[in-house]
Amino acid sequence: MSTRRSRTSQFTEDEINNLIFKLQALLPQLEQRRNNGRVVAPSKILKETCSYIRRLHREMDELSERLTSLLDNMEISSVDAQLLRTVLLQ
């Protein structure tokens, strides 16, 4: 029998609180507050998580654009360039 939850399963309040607590530990700015003994509201943790994910997506897009530009300007064979693109896109 699978231990995965079905999509229709309900989470208990304790499970939700545990997941939010784990999210807080992953966010550097909120983890510092927790270490200082300050309580952070679950809604704040969820908002900060969404903001952090958006910021990571923007950074990834910017890095991808920079890398594409660098690859386009490199004087390497088209086979090597294609190989690099393939590896980087995986």
PDB file of N, CA and C in Angstrom:
ATOM      1  N   MET A   1       0.831  -1.182   0.000  1.00  0.00           N
ATOM      2  CA  MET A   1       0.000   0.000   0.000  1.00  0.00           C
ATOM      3  C   MET A   1       0.877   1.248   0.000  1.00  0.00           C
ATOM      4  N   SER A   2       0.537   2.210  -0.801  1.00  0.00           N
ATOM      5  CA  SER A   2       1.325   3.426  -0.938  1.00  0.00           C
ATOM      6  C   SER A   2       1.144   4.336   0.276  1.00  0.00           C
ATOM      7  N   THR A   3       2.254   4.998   0.653  1.00  0.00           N
ATOM      8  CA  THR A   3       2.181   5.925   1.784  1.00  0.00           C
ATOM      9  C   THR A   3       1.882   7.349   1.323  1.00  0.00           C
ATOM     10  N   ARG A   4       1.802   7.568   0.023  1.00  0.00           N
ATOM     11  CA  ARG A   4       1.489   8.900  -0.496  1.00  0.00           C
ATOM     12  C   ARG A   4       0.035   9.241  -0.246  1.00  0.00           C
ATOM     13  N   ARG A   5      -0.200  10.531  -0.022  1.00  0.00           N
ATOM     14  CA  ARG A   5      -1.567  10.998   0.182  1.00  0.00           C
ATOM     15  C   ARG A   5      -2.253  11.157  -1.164  1.00  0.00           C
ATOM     16  N   SER A   6      -3.512  10.826  -1.201  1.00  0.00           N
ATOM     17  CA  SER A   6      -4.265  11.094  -2.423  1.00  0.00           C
ATOM     18  C   SER A   6      -4.601  12.579  -2.438  1.00  0.00           C
ATOM     19  N   ARG A   7      -4.972  13.082  -3.574  1.00  0.00           N
ATOM     20  CA  ARG A   7      -5.273  14.509  -3.701  1.00  0.00           C
ATOM     21  C   ARG A   7      -6.485  14.917  -2.871  1.00  0.00           C
ATOM     22  N   THR A   8      -7.330  13.971  -2.540  1.00  0.00           N
ATOM     23  CA  THR A   8      -8.523  14.302  -1.776  1.00  0.00           C
ATOM     24  C   THR A   8      -8.307  14.200  -0.272  1.00  0.00           C
ATOM     25  N   SER A   9      -7.145  13.748   0.161  1.00  0.00           N
ATOM     26  CA  SER A   9      -6.868  13.626   1.589  1.00  0.00           C
ATOM     27  C   SER A   9      -6.773  14.994   2.238  1.00  0.00           C
ATOM     28  N   GLN A  10      -7.139  15.037   3.492  1.00  0.00           N
ATOM     29  CA  GLN A  10      -7.055  16.272   4.260  1.00  0.00           C
ATOM     30  C   GLN A  10      -5.799  16.239   5.117  1.00  0.00           C
ATOM     31  N   PHE A  11      -5.160  17.398   5.245  1.00  0.00           N
ATOM     32  CA  PHE A  11      -4.017  17.524   6.132  1.00  0.00           C
ATOM     33  C   PHE A  11      -4.534  17.932   7.508  1.00  0.00           C
ATOM     34  N   THR A  12      -3.904  17.415   8.535  1.00  0.00           N
ATOM     35  CA  THR A  12      -4.264  17.851   9.881  1.00  0.00           C
ATOM     36  C   THR A  12      -3.623  19.200  10.147  1.00  0.00           C
ATOM     37  N   GLU A  13      -4.114  19.891  11.141  1.00  0.00           N
ATOM     38  CA  GLU A  13      -3.549  21.194  11.494  1.00  0.00           C
ATOM     39  C   GLU A  13      -2.082  21.045  11.908  1.00  0.00           C
ATOM     40  N   ASP A  14      -1.775  19.969  12.625  1.00  0.00           N
ATOM     41  CA  ASP A  14      -0.384  19.735  13.032  1.00  0.00           C
ATOM     42  C   ASP A  14       0.518  19.520  11.818  1.00  0.00           C
ATOM     43  N   GLU A  15       0.035  18.801  10.817  1.00  0.00           N
ATOM     44  CA  GLU A  15       0.831  18.579   9.599  1.00  0.00           C
ATOM     45  C   GLU A  15       1.077  19.886   8.869  1.00  0.00           C
ATOM     46  N   ILE A  16       0.063  20.721   8.783  1.00  0.00           N
ATOM     47  CA  ILE A  16       0.214  22.026   8.121  1.00  0.00           C
ATOM     48  C   ILE A  16       1.210  22.886   8.888  1.00  0.00           C
ATOM     49  N   ASN A  17       1.069  22.929  10.204  1.00  0.00           N
ATOM     50  CA  ASN A  17       2.001  23.712  11.012  1.00  0.00           C
ATOM     51  C   ASN A  17       3.431  23.206  10.864  1.00  0.00           C
ATOM     52  N   ASN A  18       3.604  21.899  10.791  1.00  0.00           N
ATOM     53  CA  ASN A  18       4.933  21.318  10.609  1.00  0.00           C
ATOM     54  C   ASN A  18       5.516  21.719   9.251  1.00  0.00           C
ATOM     55  N   LEU A  19       4.702  21.695   8.214  1.00  0.00           N
ATOM     56  CA  LEU A  19       5.174  22.085   6.881  1.00  0.00           C
ATOM     57  C   LEU A  19       5.543  23.569   6.838  1.00  0.00           C
ATOM     58  N   ILE A  20       4.747  24.405   7.480  1.00  0.00           N
ATOM     59  CA  ILE A  20       5.047  25.835   7.523  1.00  0.00           C
ATOM     60  C   ILE A  20       6.336  26.078   8.303  1.00  0.00           C
ATOM     61  N   PHE A  21       6.520  25.356   9.395  1.00  0.00           N
ATOM     62  CA  PHE A  21       7.743  25.469  10.183  1.00  0.00           C
ATOM     63  C   PHE A  21       8.966  25.092   9.334  1.00  0.00           C
ATOM     64  N   LYS A  22       8.821  24.040   8.508  1.00  0.00           N
ATOM     65  CA  LYS A  22       9.915  23.629   7.627  1.00  0.00           C
ATOM     66  C   LYS A  22      10.198  24.697   6.569  1.00  0.00           C
ATOM     67  N   LEU A  23       9.144  25.326   6.052  1.00  0.00           N
ATOM     68  CA  LEU A  23       9.338  26.415   5.088  1.00  0.00           C
ATOM     69  C   LEU A  23      10.122  27.558   5.719  1.00  0.00           C
ATOM     70  N   GLN A  24       9.781  27.900   6.939  1.00  0.00           N
ATOM     71  CA  GLN A  24      10.470  28.990   7.620  1.00  0.00           C
ATOM     72  C   GLN A  24      11.959  28.708   7.735  1.00  0.00           C
ATOM     73  N   ALA A  25      12.311  27.455   7.998  1.00  0.00           N
ATOM     74  CA  ALA A  25      13.722  27.087   8.133  1.00  0.00           C
ATOM     75  C   ALA A  25      14.472  27.235   6.810  1.00  0.00           C
ATOM     76  N   LEU A  26      13.755  27.179   5.690  1.00  0.00           N
ATOM     77  CA  LEU A  26      14.390  27.299   4.375  1.00  0.00           C
ATOM     78  C   LEU A  26      14.579  28.745   3.928  1.00  0.00           C
ATOM     79  N   LEU A  27      13.905  29.665   4.584  1.00  0.00           N
ATOM     80  CA  LEU A  27      13.990  31.071   4.201  1.00  0.00           C
ATOM     81  C   LEU A  27      14.951  31.793   5.140  1.00  0.00           C
ATOM     82  N   PRO A  28      16.104  32.200   4.626  1.00  0.00           N
ATOM     83  CA  PRO A  28      17.134  32.791   5.484  1.00  0.00           C
ATOM     84  C   PRO A  28      16.640  33.958   6.335  1.00  0.00           C
ATOM     85  N   GLN A  29      15.888  34.876   5.741  1.00  0.00           N
ATOM     86  CA  GLN A  29      15.457  36.059   6.486  1.00  0.00           C
ATOM     87  C   GLN A  29      14.490  35.701   7.610  1.00  0.00           C
ATOM     88  N   LEU A  30      13.687  34.663   7.446  1.00  0.00           N
ATOM     89  CA  LEU A  30      12.751  34.269   8.502  1.00  0.00           C
ATOM     90  C   LEU A  30      13.405  33.359   9.527  1.00  0.00           C
ATOM     91  N   GLU A  31      14.373  32.597   9.107  1.00  0.00           N
ATOM     92  CA  GLU A  31      15.082  31.720  10.040  1.00  0.00           C
ATOM     93  C   GLU A  31      15.816  32.549  11.094  1.00  0.00           C
ATOM     94  N   GLN A  32      16.357  33.691  10.694  1.00  0.00           N
ATOM     95  CA  GLN A  32      17.040  34.573  11.645  1.00  0.00           C
ATOM     96  C   GLN A  32      16.071  35.075  12.710  1.00  0.00           C
ATOM     97  N   ARG A  33      14.865  35.421  12.291  1.00  0.00           N
ATOM     98  CA  ARG A  33      13.865  35.891  13.252  1.00  0.00           C
ATOM     99  C   ARG A  33      13.521  34.793  14.252  1.00  0.00           C
ATOM    100  N   ARG A  34      13.378  33.568  13.746  1.00  0.00           N
ATOM    101  CA  ARG A  34      13.031  32.451  14.624  1.00  0.00           C
ATOM    102  C   ARG A  34      14.148  32.204  15.625  1.00  0.00           C
ATOM    103  N   ASN A  35      15.399  32.301  15.159  1.00  0.00           N
ATOM    104  CA  ASN A  35      16.541  32.102  16.048  1.00  0.00           C
ATOM    105  C   ASN A  35      16.636  33.189  17.117  1.00  0.00           C
ATOM    106  N   ASN A  36      16.068  34.362  16.828  1.00  0.00           N
ATOM    107  CA  ASN A  36      16.046  35.450  17.802  1.00  0.00           C
ATOM    108  C   ASN A  36      14.843  35.341  18.730  1.00  0.00           C
ATOM    109  N   GLY A  37      14.079  34.270  18.612  1.00  0.00           N
ATOM    110  CA  GLY A  37      12.937  34.046  19.489  1.00  0.00           C
ATOM    111  C   GLY A  37      11.664  34.746  19.065  1.00  0.00           C
ATOM    112  N   ARG A  38      11.679  35.361  17.891  1.00  0.00           N
ATOM    113  CA  ARG A  38      10.484  36.061  17.421  1.00  0.00           C
ATOM    114  C   ARG A  38       9.577  35.095  16.678  1.00  0.00           C
ATOM    115  N   VAL A  39       8.297  35.185  16.960  1.00  0.00           N
ATOM    116  CA  VAL A  39       7.312  34.338  16.301  1.00  0.00           C
ATOM    117  C   VAL A  39       6.922  34.995  14.977  1.00  0.00           C
ATOM    118  N   VAL A  40       6.874  34.184  13.930  1.00  0.00           N
ATOM    119  CA  VAL A  40       6.483  34.685  12.614  1.00  0.00           C
ATOM    120  C   VAL A  40       5.153  34.045  12.258  1.00  0.00           C
ATOM    121  N   ALA A  41       4.195  34.850  11.868  1.00  0.00           N
ATOM    122  CA  ALA A  41       2.863  34.353  11.519  1.00  0.00           C
ATOM    123  C   ALA A  41       2.948  33.443  10.295  1.00  0.00           C
ATOM    124  N   PRO A  42       2.146  32.372  10.286  1.00  0.00           N
ATOM    125  CA  PRO A  42       2.145  31.463   9.127  1.00  0.00           C
ATOM    126  C   PRO A  42       1.856  32.181   7.811  1.00  0.00           C
ATOM    127  N   SER A  43       0.968  33.177   7.825  1.00  0.00           N
ATOM    128  CA  SER A  43       0.667  33.907   6.586  1.00  0.00           C
ATOM    129  C   SER A  43       1.910  34.634   6.076  1.00  0.00           C
ATOM    130  N   LYS A  44       2.708  35.185   6.986  1.00  0.00           N
ATOM    131  CA  LYS A  44       3.955  35.868   6.614  1.00  0.00           C
ATOM    132  C   LYS A  44       4.943  34.865   6.002  1.00  0.00           C
ATOM    133  N   ILE A  45       5.007  33.682   6.584  1.00  0.00           N
ATOM    134  CA  ILE A  45       5.915  32.642   6.067  1.00  0.00           C
ATOM    135  C   ILE A  45       5.509  32.254   4.650  1.00  0.00           C
ATOM    136  N   LEU A  46       4.208  32.087   4.414  1.00  0.00           N
ATOM    137  CA  LEU A  46       3.739  31.711   3.077  1.00  0.00           C
ATOM    138  C   LEU A  46       3.980  32.833   2.070  1.00  0.00           C
ATOM    139  N   LYS A  47       3.733  34.081   2.474  1.00  0.00           N
ATOM    140  CA  LYS A  47       3.997  35.216   1.573  1.00  0.00           C
ATOM    141  C   LYS A  47       5.483  35.313   1.233  1.00  0.00           C
ATOM    142  N   GLU A  48       6.333  35.170   2.245  1.00  0.00           N
ATOM    143  CA  GLU A  48       7.778  35.240   2.021  1.00  0.00           C
ATOM    144  C   GLU A  48       8.251  34.085   1.138  1.00  0.00           C
ATOM    145  N   THR A  49       7.650  32.918   1.301  1.00  0.00           N
ATOM    146  CA  THR A  49       8.008  31.766   0.468  1.00  0.00           C
ATOM    147  C   THR A  49       7.692  32.052  -0.991  1.00  0.00           C
ATOM    148  N   CYS A  50       6.504  32.579  -1.254  1.00  0.00           N
ATOM    149  CA  CYS A  50       6.122  32.917  -2.633  1.00  0.00           C
ATOM    150  C   CYS A  50       7.055  33.968  -3.226  1.00  0.00           C
ATOM    151  N   SER A  51       7.368  34.974  -2.436  1.00  0.00           N
ATOM    152  CA  SER A  51       8.265  36.031  -2.883  1.00  0.00           C
ATOM    153  C   SER A  51       9.655  35.470  -3.193  1.00  0.00           C
ATOM    154  N   TYR A  52      10.131  34.596  -2.323  1.00  0.00           N
ATOM    155  CA  TYR A  52      11.444  33.984  -2.501  1.00  0.00           C
ATOM    156  C   TYR A  52      11.493  33.139  -3.770  1.00  0.00           C
ATOM    157  N   ILE A  53      10.440  32.388  -4.034  1.00  0.00           N
ATOM    158  CA  ILE A  53      10.383  31.555  -5.247  1.00  0.00           C
ATOM    159  C   ILE A  53      10.371  32.442  -6.490  1.00  0.00           C
ATOM    160  N   ARG A  54       9.593  33.532  -6.460  1.00  0.00           N
ATOM    161  CA  ARG A  54       9.588  34.458  -7.602  1.00  0.00           C
ATOM    162  C   ARG A  54      10.975  35.042  -7.847  1.00  0.00           C
ATOM    163  N   ARG A  55      11.646  35.427  -6.749  1.00  0.00           N
ATOM    164  CA  ARG A  55      12.992  35.995  -6.861  1.00  0.00           C
ATOM    165  C   ARG A  55      13.963  34.973  -7.462  1.00  0.00           C
ATOM    166  N   LEU A  56      13.868  33.720  -7.044  1.00  0.00           N
ATOM    167  CA  LEU A  56      14.735  32.679  -7.598  1.00  0.00           C
ATOM    168  C   LEU A  56      14.467  32.459  -9.078  1.00  0.00           C
ATOM    169  N   HIS A  57      13.196  32.515  -9.489  1.00  0.00           N
ATOM    170  CA  HIS A  57      12.854  32.381 -10.902  1.00  0.00           C
ATOM    171  C   HIS A  57      13.456  33.524 -11.722  1.00  0.00           C
ATOM    172  N   ARG A  58      13.361  34.755 -11.197  1.00  0.00           N
ATOM    173  CA  ARG A  58      13.946  35.901 -11.907  1.00  0.00           C
ATOM    174  C   ARG A  58      15.458  35.740 -12.050  1.00  0.00           C
ATOM    175  N   GLU A  59      16.116  35.334 -10.956  1.00  0.00           N
ATOM    176  CA  GLU A  59      17.563  35.133 -11.005  1.00  0.00           C
ATOM    177  C   GLU A  59      17.933  34.054 -12.006  1.00  0.00           C
ATOM    178  N   MET A  60      17.161  32.973 -12.033  1.00  0.00           N
ATOM    179  CA  MET A  60      17.431  31.894 -12.974  1.00  0.00           C
ATOM    180  C   MET A  60      17.272  32.386 -14.419  1.00  0.00           C
ATOM    181  N   ASP A  61      16.230  33.164 -14.681  1.00  0.00           N
ATOM    182  CA  ASP A  61      16.028  33.709 -16.022  1.00  0.00           C
ATOM    183  C   ASP A  61      17.172  34.638 -16.428  1.00  0.00           C
ATOM    184  N   GLU A  62      17.605  35.483 -15.498  1.00  0.00           N
ATOM    185  CA  GLU A  62      18.712  36.398 -15.796  1.00  0.00           C
ATOM    186  C   GLU A  62      20.003  35.634 -16.080  1.00  0.00           C
ATOM    187  N   LEU A  63      20.272  34.628 -15.282  1.00  0.00           N
ATOM    188  CA  LEU A  63      21.483  33.827 -15.502  1.00  0.00           C
ATOM    189  C   LEU A  63      21.410  33.066 -16.814  1.00  0.00           C
ATOM    190  N   SER A  64      20.238  32.580 -17.139  1.00  0.00           N
ATOM    191  CA  SER A  64      20.060  31.871 -18.400  1.00  0.00           C
ATOM    192  C   SER A  64      20.308  32.798 -19.587  1.00  0.00           C
ATOM    193  N   GLU A  65      19.798  34.028 -19.502  1.00  0.00           N
ATOM    194  CA  GLU A  65      20.022  35.002 -20.571  1.00  0.00           C
ATOM    195  C   GLU A  65      21.506  35.336 -20.710  1.00  0.00           C
ATOM    196  N   ARG A  66      22.170  35.532 -19.581  1.00  0.00           N
ATOM    197  CA  ARG A  66      23.607  35.840 -19.614  1.00  0.00           C
ATOM    198  C   ARG A  66      24.390  34.688 -20.216  1.00  0.00           C
ATOM    199  N   LEU A  67      24.046  33.478 -19.831  1.00  0.00           N
ATOM    200  CA  LEU A  67      24.740  32.300 -20.352  1.00  0.00           C
ATOM    201  C   LEU A  67      24.512  32.149 -21.854  1.00  0.00           C
ATOM    202  N   THR A  68      23.288  32.363 -22.288  1.00  0.00           N
ATOM    203  CA  THR A  68      22.986  32.289 -23.719  1.00  0.00           C
ATOM    204  C   THR A  68      23.798  33.309 -24.489  1.00  0.00           C
ATOM    205  N   SER A  69      23.886  34.522 -23.950  1.00  0.00           N
ATOM    206  CA  SER A  69      24.665  35.573 -24.590  1.00  0.00           C
ATOM    207  C   SER A  69      26.142  35.186 -24.666  1.00  0.00           C
ATOM    208  N   LEU A  70      26.673  34.645 -23.583  1.00  0.00           N
ATOM    209  CA  LEU A  70      28.074  34.222 -23.580  1.00  0.00           C
ATOM    210  C   LEU A  70      28.331  33.106 -24.577  1.00  0.00           C
ATOM    211  N   LEU A  71      27.407  32.137 -24.624  1.00  0.00           N
ATOM    212  CA  LEU A  71      27.576  31.034 -25.568  1.00  0.00           C
ATOM    213  C   LEU A  71      27.508  31.524 -27.011  1.00  0.00           C
ATOM    214  N   ASP A  72      26.621  32.477 -27.265  1.00  0.00           N
ATOM    215  CA  ASP A  72      26.495  33.016 -28.618  1.00  0.00           C
ATOM    216  C   ASP A  72      27.753  33.759 -29.054  1.00  0.00           C
ATOM    217  N   ASN A  73      28.466  34.344 -28.094  1.00  0.00           N
ATOM    218  CA  ASN A  73      29.662  35.123 -28.407  1.00  0.00           C
ATOM    219  C   ASN A  73      30.948  34.303 -28.393  1.00  0.00           C
ATOM    220  N   MET A  74      30.846  33.058 -27.943  1.00  0.00           N
ATOM    221  CA  MET A  74      32.049  32.216 -27.884  1.00  0.00           C
ATOM    222  C   MET A  74      32.413  31.721 -29.276  1.00  0.00           C
ATOM    223  N   GLU A  75      33.704  31.615 -29.496  1.00  0.00           N
ATOM    224  CA  GLU A  75      34.183  31.096 -30.775  1.00  0.00           C
ATOM    225  C   GLU A  75      34.467  29.608 -30.619  1.00  0.00           C
ATOM    226  N   ILE A  76      33.400  28.845 -30.646  1.00  0.00           N
ATOM    227  CA  ILE A  76      33.530  27.390 -30.578  1.00  0.00           C
ATOM    228  C   ILE A  76      32.707  26.800 -31.700  1.00  0.00           C
ATOM    229  N   SER A  77      32.998  25.569 -31.989  1.00  0.00           N
ATOM    230  CA  SER A  77      32.272  24.929 -33.085  1.00  0.00           C
ATOM    231  C   SER A  77      30.804  24.795 -32.715  1.00  0.00           C
ATOM    232  N   SER A  78      29.970  24.716 -33.724  1.00  0.00           N
ATOM    233  CA  SER A  78      28.533  24.603 -33.474  1.00  0.00           C
ATOM    234  C   SER A  78      28.202  23.301 -32.746  1.00  0.00           C
ATOM    235  N   VAL A  79      29.005  22.255 -32.972  1.00  0.00           N
ATOM    236  CA  VAL A  79      28.790  20.988 -32.283  1.00  0.00           C
ATOM    237  C   VAL A  79      29.054  21.167 -30.789  1.00  0.00           C
ATOM    238  N   ASP A  80      30.152  21.827 -30.445  1.00  0.00           N
ATOM    239  CA  ASP A  80      30.478  22.079 -29.036  1.00  0.00           C
ATOM    240  C   ASP A  80      29.428  22.968 -28.377  1.00  0.00           C
ATOM    241  N   ALA A  81      28.983  23.994 -29.090  1.00  0.00           N
ATOM    242  CA  ALA A  81      27.973  24.895 -28.548  1.00  0.00           C
ATOM    243  C   ALA A  81      26.669  24.146 -28.303  1.00  0.00           C
ATOM    244  N   GLN A  82      26.293  23.291 -29.248  1.00  0.00           N
ATOM    245  CA  GLN A  82      25.065  22.515 -29.088  1.00  0.00           C
ATOM    246  C   GLN A  82      25.181  21.548 -27.912  1.00  0.00           C
ATOM    247  N   LEU A  83      26.343  20.945 -27.746  1.00  0.00           N
ATOM    248  CA  LEU A  83      26.573  20.037 -26.628  1.00  0.00           C
ATOM    249  C   LEU A  83      26.454  20.780 -25.290  1.00  0.00           C
ATOM    250  N   LEU A  84      27.047  21.964 -25.226  1.00  0.00           N
ATOM    251  CA  LEU A  84      26.950  22.779 -24.004  1.00  0.00           C
ATOM    252  C   LEU A  84      25.494  23.147 -23.701  1.00  0.00           C
ATOM    253  N   ARG A  85      24.773  23.565 -24.731  1.00  0.00           N
ATOM    254  CA  ARG A  85      23.360  23.925 -24.527  1.00  0.00           C
ATOM    255  C   ARG A  85      22.557  22.729 -24.026  1.00  0.00           C
ATOM    256  N   THR A  86      22.799  21.569 -24.614  1.00  0.00           N
ATOM    257  CA  THR A  86      22.091  20.349 -24.218  1.00  0.00           C
ATOM    258  C   THR A  86      22.351  20.009 -22.767  1.00  0.00           C
ATOM    259  N   VAL A  87      23.617  20.071 -22.371  1.00  0.00           N
ATOM    260  CA  VAL A  87      23.995  19.749 -20.995  1.00  0.00           C
ATOM    261  C   VAL A  87      23.382  20.754 -20.024  1.00  0.00           C
ATOM    262  N   LEU A  88      23.423  22.038 -20.370  1.00  0.00           N
ATOM    263  CA  LEU A  88      22.926  23.076 -19.470  1.00  0.00           C
ATOM    264  C   LEU A  88      21.407  23.086 -19.362  1.00  0.00           C
ATOM    265  N   LEU A  89      20.724  22.606 -20.369  1.00  0.00           N
ATOM    266  CA  LEU A  89      19.260  22.618 -20.337  1.00  0.00           C
ATOM    267  C   LEU A  89      18.675  21.396 -19.638  1.00  0.00           C
ATOM    268  N   GLN A  90      19.509  20.465 -19.237  1.00  0.00           N
ATOM    269  CA  GLN A  90      19.006  19.263 -18.567  1.00  0.00           C
ATOM    270  C   GLN A  90      18.673  19.529 -17.143  1.00  0.00           C
TER     271      GLN A  90
END
